[in-house]
């Protein structure tokens, strides 16, 4: 399986399947992933100050616990929301419907 590495805000590193396998519609954008919840909460607060609502979710990825910060994608699929986040200082990557199911299945109980 082809993989890509992503360096998220404040140094968290995650590995996700490459985009061609994630061909479903974009449902959210991941803005960060952290080992410590405080860092995720801080990023969510920064997003809110900039007009974006970030959600912090606990995920288990390949045996490691992360706190993932996502922003729900807008309903208009033609809006370049990733570019809006980047312009506001929040680089992100899209979460597609098909990859979301894999991430949720790895979520901690």
C-alpha atoms as a PDB file:
ATOM      1  CA  UNK A   1       0.000   0.000   0.000  1.00  0.00           C
ATOM      2  CA  UNK A   2       1.386   3.404  -0.983  1.00  0.00           C
ATOM      3  CA  UNK A   3       1.629   5.739   2.012  1.00  0.00           C
ATOM      4  CA  UNK A   4       2.288   9.410   2.568  1.00  0.00           C
ATOM      5  CA  UNK A   5       3.785  11.048   5.622  1.00  0.00           C
ATOM      6  CA  UNK A   6       2.355  14.253   6.987  1.00  0.00           C
ATOM      7  CA  UNK A   7       4.062  16.612   9.386  1.00  0.00           C
ATOM      8  CA  UNK A   8       1.293  18.347  11.309  1.00  0.00           C
ATOM      9  CA  UNK A   9       1.403  21.517  13.356  1.00  0.00           C
ATOM     10  CA  UNK A  10       3.829  21.485  16.286  1.00  0.00           C
ATOM     11  CA  UNK A  11       5.689  18.395  15.123  1.00  0.00           C
ATOM     12  CA  UNK A  12       3.271  15.445  15.244  1.00  0.00           C
ATOM     13  CA  UNK A  13       3.965  12.934  12.475  1.00  0.00           C
ATOM     14  CA  UNK A  14       1.294  10.636  11.002  1.00  0.00           C
ATOM     15  CA  UNK A  15       1.234   8.190   8.136  1.00  0.00           C
ATOM     16  CA  UNK A  16      -1.923   7.854   6.023  1.00  0.00           C
ATOM     17  CA  UNK A  17      -2.825   6.043   2.812  1.00  0.00           C
ATOM     18  CA  UNK A  18      -2.207   8.137  -0.304  1.00  0.00           C
ATOM     19  CA  UNK A  19      -5.124  10.033  -1.845  1.00  0.00           C
ATOM     20  CA  UNK A  20      -6.056   7.686  -4.753  1.00  0.00           C
ATOM     21  CA  UNK A  21      -7.380   5.125  -2.254  1.00  0.00           C
ATOM     22  CA  UNK A  22      -9.399   7.899  -0.563  1.00  0.00           C
ATOM     23  CA  UNK A  23     -11.597   8.765  -3.510  1.00  0.00           C
ATOM     24  CA  UNK A  24     -14.804   9.503  -1.562  1.00  0.00           C
ATOM     25  CA  UNK A  25     -16.096  13.027  -0.957  1.00  0.00           C
ATOM     26  CA  UNK A  26     -14.183  15.291   1.422  1.00  0.00           C
ATOM     27  CA  UNK A  27     -15.965  15.385   4.787  1.00  0.00           C
ATOM     28  CA  UNK A  28     -13.377  17.216   6.922  1.00  0.00           C
ATOM     29  CA  UNK A  29      -9.862  18.640   7.019  1.00  0.00           C
ATOM     30  CA  UNK A  30      -7.273  17.475   9.531  1.00  0.00           C
ATOM     31  CA  UNK A  31      -5.377  20.440  10.888  1.00  0.00           C
ATOM     32  CA  UNK A  32      -3.228  18.687  13.487  1.00  0.00           C
ATOM     33  CA  UNK A  33      -2.511  15.543  15.476  1.00  0.00           C
ATOM     34  CA  UNK A  34      -0.815  15.569  18.848  1.00  0.00           C
ATOM     35  CA  UNK A  35       0.399  13.244  21.552  1.00  0.00           C
ATOM     36  CA  UNK A  36      -0.860  15.647  24.237  1.00  0.00           C
ATOM     37  CA  UNK A  37      -4.484  16.793  24.440  1.00  0.00           C
ATOM     38  CA  UNK A  38      -3.449  20.249  25.677  1.00  0.00           C
ATOM     39  CA  UNK A  39      -1.738  20.937  22.339  1.00  0.00           C
ATOM     40  CA  UNK A  40      -4.826  19.836  20.405  1.00  0.00           C
ATOM     41  CA  UNK A  41      -7.055  22.010  22.600  1.00  0.00           C
ATOM     42  CA  UNK A  42      -4.725  24.974  22.021  1.00  0.00           C
ATOM     43  CA  UNK A  43      -4.954  24.530  18.240  1.00  0.00           C
ATOM     44  CA  UNK A  44      -8.763  24.233  18.428  1.00  0.00           C
ATOM     45  CA  UNK A  45      -8.848  27.527  20.366  1.00  0.00           C
ATOM     46  CA  UNK A  46      -6.624  29.201  17.742  1.00  0.00           C
ATOM     47  CA  UNK A  47      -8.942  27.929  14.996  1.00  0.00           C
ATOM     48  CA  UNK A  48     -11.973  29.345  16.806  1.00  0.00           C
ATOM     49  CA  UNK A  49     -10.306  32.757  17.152  1.00  0.00           C
ATOM     50  CA  UNK A  50      -9.820  32.687  13.375  1.00  0.00           C
ATOM     51  CA  UNK A  51     -13.456  31.785  12.692  1.00  0.00           C
ATOM     52  CA  UNK A  52     -13.111  28.013  12.224  1.00  0.00           C
ATOM     53  CA  UNK A  53     -14.660  25.392  14.490  1.00  0.00           C
ATOM     54  CA  UNK A  54     -12.173  22.621  15.248  1.00  0.00           C
ATOM     55  CA  UNK A  55     -13.101  19.328  16.851  1.00  0.00           C
ATOM     56  CA  UNK A  56     -10.642  17.388  19.024  1.00  0.00           C
ATOM     57  CA  UNK A  57     -10.980  13.605  18.816  1.00  0.00           C
ATOM     58  CA  UNK A  58      -8.935  10.858  20.426  1.00  0.00           C
ATOM     59  CA  UNK A  59      -7.628   8.350  17.848  1.00  0.00           C
ATOM     60  CA  UNK A  60      -5.459   5.267  17.997  1.00  0.00           C
ATOM     61  CA  UNK A  61      -3.268   5.079  14.896  1.00  0.00           C
ATOM     62  CA  UNK A  62      -1.001   2.054  14.520  1.00  0.00           C
ATOM     63  CA  UNK A  63      -0.973   1.493  18.281  1.00  0.00           C
ATOM     64  CA  UNK A  64      -0.266   5.118  19.245  1.00  0.00           C
ATOM     65  CA  UNK A  65      -2.748   7.468  20.898  1.00  0.00           C
ATOM     66  CA  UNK A  66      -3.209  10.842  19.196  1.00  0.00           C
ATOM     67  CA  UNK A  67      -5.477  13.830  19.707  1.00  0.00           C
ATOM     68  CA  UNK A  68      -6.606  14.825  16.218  1.00  0.00           C
ATOM     69  CA  UNK A  69      -7.961  18.279  15.332  1.00  0.00           C
ATOM     70  CA  UNK A  70     -10.361  18.419  12.385  1.00  0.00           C
ATOM     71  CA  UNK A  71     -12.596  21.034  10.810  1.00  0.00           C
ATOM     72  CA  UNK A  72     -15.765  19.881   9.067  1.00  0.00           C
ATOM     73  CA  UNK A  73     -15.792  20.475   5.320  1.00  0.00           C
ATOM     74  CA  UNK A  74     -18.337  22.994   4.022  1.00  0.00           C
ATOM     75  CA  UNK A  75     -21.346  21.612   2.133  1.00  0.00           C
ATOM     76  CA  UNK A  76     -20.205  23.234  -1.128  1.00  0.00           C
ATOM     77  CA  UNK A  77     -17.732  20.764  -2.712  1.00  0.00           C
ATOM     78  CA  UNK A  78     -16.441  23.487  -5.057  1.00  0.00           C
ATOM     79  CA  UNK A  79     -15.244  25.713  -2.209  1.00  0.00           C
ATOM     80  CA  UNK A  80     -11.472  25.453  -1.717  1.00  0.00           C
ATOM     81  CA  UNK A  81     -11.696  25.184   2.049  1.00  0.00           C
ATOM     82  CA  UNK A  82      -8.190  23.739   2.408  1.00  0.00           C
ATOM     83  CA  UNK A  83      -6.833  26.917   0.804  1.00  0.00           C
ATOM     84  CA  UNK A  84      -8.899  29.055   3.197  1.00  0.00           C
ATOM     85  CA  UNK A  85      -7.445  27.194   6.171  1.00  0.00           C
ATOM     86  CA  UNK A  86      -3.918  27.541   4.768  1.00  0.00           C
ATOM     87  CA  UNK A  87      -4.391  31.272   4.117  1.00  0.00           C
ATOM     88  CA  UNK A  88      -5.389  31.668   7.776  1.00  0.00           C
ATOM     89  CA  UNK A  89      -2.199  29.884   8.862  1.00  0.00           C
ATOM     90  CA  UNK A  90      -3.602  26.369   9.309  1.00  0.00           C
ATOM     91  CA  UNK A  91      -2.157  23.882   6.813  1.00  0.00           C
ATOM     92  CA  UNK A  92      -4.369  20.822   6.530  1.00  0.00           C
ATOM     93  CA  UNK A  93      -5.179  17.793   4.471  1.00  0.00           C
ATOM     94  CA  UNK A  94      -8.586  16.490   3.410  1.00  0.00           C
ATOM     95  CA  UNK A  95     -10.273  13.517   5.039  1.00  0.00           C
ATOM     96  CA  UNK A  96     -12.341  11.620   2.526  1.00  0.00           C
ATOM     97  CA  UNK A  97     -15.458   9.660   3.407  1.00  0.00           C
ATOM     98  CA  UNK A  98     -13.756   6.326   2.647  1.00  0.00           C
ATOM     99  CA  UNK A  99     -10.667   7.109   4.784  1.00  0.00           C
ATOM    100  CA  UNK A 100     -12.862   8.349   7.636  1.00  0.00           C
ATOM    101  CA  UNK A 101     -14.328   4.870   8.062  1.00  0.00           C
ATOM    102  CA  UNK A 102     -10.803   3.436   8.445  1.00  0.00           C
ATOM    103  CA  UNK A 103      -9.858   6.107  10.972  1.00  0.00           C
ATOM    104  CA  UNK A 104     -13.043   5.562  12.989  1.00  0.00           C
ATOM    105  CA  UNK A 105     -12.491   1.802  13.024  1.00  0.00           C
ATOM    106  CA  UNK A 106      -9.088   2.414  14.639  1.00  0.00           C
ATOM    107  CA  UNK A 107     -10.539   4.779  17.268  1.00  0.00           C
ATOM    108  CA  UNK A 108      -9.923   3.861  20.888  1.00  0.00           C
ATOM    109  CA  UNK A 109     -12.932   2.500  22.835  1.00  0.00           C
END
